[in-house]
Amino acid sequence: MALDIRGLKRVFRYNGKELKDPNKSMSPEDVLQFYSGSYPELTTSNVHGPRVEKDKAIYEFKTTVGTKG
């Protein structure tokens, strides 16, 4: 029996939107910086995850503005 190894597809989510992975060699923090040009509020966000759903690794960008503690 052959073993089939597959990597998880990375998916990035922000504010209910699914963002494509711009480059698989980028770290999740690099992807956050990449998208901060389109979404300026990401400059004050953090990466949460990954959370695995089926064949996807889900990373969420959550803003820290307006939160205390």
C-alpha atoms as a PDB file:
ATOM      1  CA  MET A   1       0.000   0.000   0.000  1.00  0.00           C
ATOM      2  CA  ALA A   2       1.400   3.388  -1.008  1.00  0.00           C
ATOM      3  CA  LEU A   3       1.385   6.272   1.416  1.00  0.00           C
ATOM      4  CA  ASP A   4      -0.036   9.497  -0.018  1.00  0.00           C
ATOM      5  CA  ILE A   5       1.306  12.580   1.756  1.00  0.00           C
ATOM      6  CA  ARG A   6      -0.268  15.938   1.066  1.00  0.00           C
ATOM      7  CA  GLY A   7       0.325  19.312   2.628  1.00  0.00           C
ATOM      8  CA  LEU A   8      -2.443  21.441   4.006  1.00  0.00           C
ATOM      9  CA  LYS A   9      -3.607  24.371   1.924  1.00  0.00           C
ATOM     10  CA  ARG A  10      -3.147  27.622   3.846  1.00  0.00           C
ATOM     11  CA  VAL A  11      -6.116  29.946   4.028  1.00  0.00           C
ATOM     12  CA  PHE A  12      -6.050  33.389   5.610  1.00  0.00           C
ATOM     13  CA  ARG A  13      -9.206  35.037   6.935  1.00  0.00           C
ATOM     14  CA  TYR A  14      -9.867  38.574   7.962  1.00  0.00           C
ATOM     15  CA  ASN A  15     -13.160  40.218   8.863  1.00  0.00           C
ATOM     16  CA  GLY A  16     -15.204  37.431   7.258  1.00  0.00           C
ATOM     17  CA  LYS A  17     -13.159  37.465   4.046  1.00  0.00           C
ATOM     18  CA  GLU A  18     -10.989  34.642   2.777  1.00  0.00           C
ATOM     19  CA  LEU A  19      -7.626  35.878   1.505  1.00  0.00           C
ATOM     20  CA  LYS A  20      -5.470  33.835  -0.866  1.00  0.00           C
ATOM     21  CA  ASP A  21      -2.002  32.689   0.056  1.00  0.00           C
ATOM     22  CA  PRO A  22       0.265  35.060  -1.930  1.00  0.00           C
ATOM     23  CA  ASN A  23       3.366  32.865  -1.591  1.00  0.00           C
ATOM     24  CA  LYS A  24       3.737  29.517   0.176  1.00  0.00           C
ATOM     25  CA  SER A  25       7.271  30.358   1.253  1.00  0.00           C
ATOM     26  CA  MET A  26       6.073  33.409   3.235  1.00  0.00           C
ATOM     27  CA  SER A  27       5.461  33.060   6.965  1.00  0.00           C
ATOM     28  CA  PRO A  28       1.945  33.882   8.226  1.00  0.00           C
ATOM     29  CA  GLU A  29       3.368  37.122   9.680  1.00  0.00           C
ATOM     30  CA  ASP A  30       4.781  38.008   6.242  1.00  0.00           C
ATOM     31  CA  VAL A  31       1.353  37.395   4.708  1.00  0.00           C
ATOM     32  CA  LEU A  32      -0.149  39.716   7.323  1.00  0.00           C
ATOM     33  CA  GLN A  33       2.315  42.437   6.285  1.00  0.00           C
ATOM     34  CA  PHE A  34       1.612  41.755   2.597  1.00  0.00           C
ATOM     35  CA  TYR A  35      -2.132  42.321   3.048  1.00  0.00           C
ATOM     36  CA  SER A  36      -1.671  45.380   5.286  1.00  0.00           C
ATOM     37  CA  GLY A  37      -1.213  47.422   2.104  1.00  0.00           C
ATOM     38  CA  SER A  38      -4.798  46.595   1.100  1.00  0.00           C
ATOM     39  CA  TYR A  39      -6.217  46.501   4.629  1.00  0.00           C
ATOM     40  CA  PRO A  40      -4.415  49.170   6.735  1.00  0.00           C
ATOM     41  CA  GLU A  41      -6.116  47.979   9.926  1.00  0.00           C
ATOM     42  CA  LEU A  42      -3.996  44.813   9.693  1.00  0.00           C
ATOM     43  CA  THR A  43      -0.986  46.836  10.876  1.00  0.00           C
ATOM     44  CA  THR A  44      -2.451  46.477  14.385  1.00  0.00           C
ATOM     45  CA  SER A  45      -3.465  42.820  13.993  1.00  0.00           C
ATOM     46  CA  ASN A  46      -2.102  39.477  15.095  1.00  0.00           C
ATOM     47  CA  VAL A  47      -2.068  36.068  13.436  1.00  0.00           C
ATOM     48  CA  HIS A  48      -4.110  33.368  15.174  1.00  0.00           C
ATOM     49  CA  GLY A  49      -3.842  29.729  14.190  1.00  0.00           C
ATOM     50  CA  PRO A  50      -3.534  27.544  12.359  1.00  0.00           C
ATOM     51  CA  ARG A  51      -6.785  25.742  12.948  1.00  0.00           C
ATOM     52  CA  VAL A  52      -7.160  22.656  10.767  1.00  0.00           C
ATOM     53  CA  GLU A  53     -10.415  22.164   8.844  1.00  0.00           C
ATOM     54  CA  LYS A  54     -10.402  19.138   6.537  1.00  0.00           C
ATOM     55  CA  ASP A  55      -7.460  19.765   4.179  1.00  0.00           C
ATOM     56  CA  LYS A  56      -6.934  23.436   5.098  1.00  0.00           C
ATOM     57  CA  ALA A  57      -4.847  25.253   7.681  1.00  0.00           C
ATOM     58  CA  ILE A  58      -6.876  28.324   8.647  1.00  0.00           C
ATOM     59  CA  TYR A  59      -5.065  31.421   9.899  1.00  0.00           C
ATOM     60  CA  GLU A  60      -7.092  34.372  11.152  1.00  0.00           C
ATOM     61  CA  PHE A  61      -5.995  37.980  11.334  1.00  0.00           C
ATOM     62  CA  LYS A  62      -7.520  39.648  14.371  1.00  0.00           C
ATOM     63  CA  THR A  63      -7.133  43.322  15.138  1.00  0.00           C
ATOM     64  CA  THR A  64      -5.942  44.465  18.536  1.00  0.00           C
ATOM     65  CA  VAL A  65      -7.339  47.995  18.305  1.00  0.00           C
ATOM     66  CA  GLY A  66     -10.030  48.668  20.829  1.00  0.00           C
ATOM     67  CA  THR A  67      -9.168  45.710  23.035  1.00  0.00           C
ATOM     68  CA  LYS A  68      -7.739  46.021  26.489  1.00  0.00           C
ATOM     69  CA  GLY A  69      -5.627  43.541  28.383  1.00  0.00           C
END
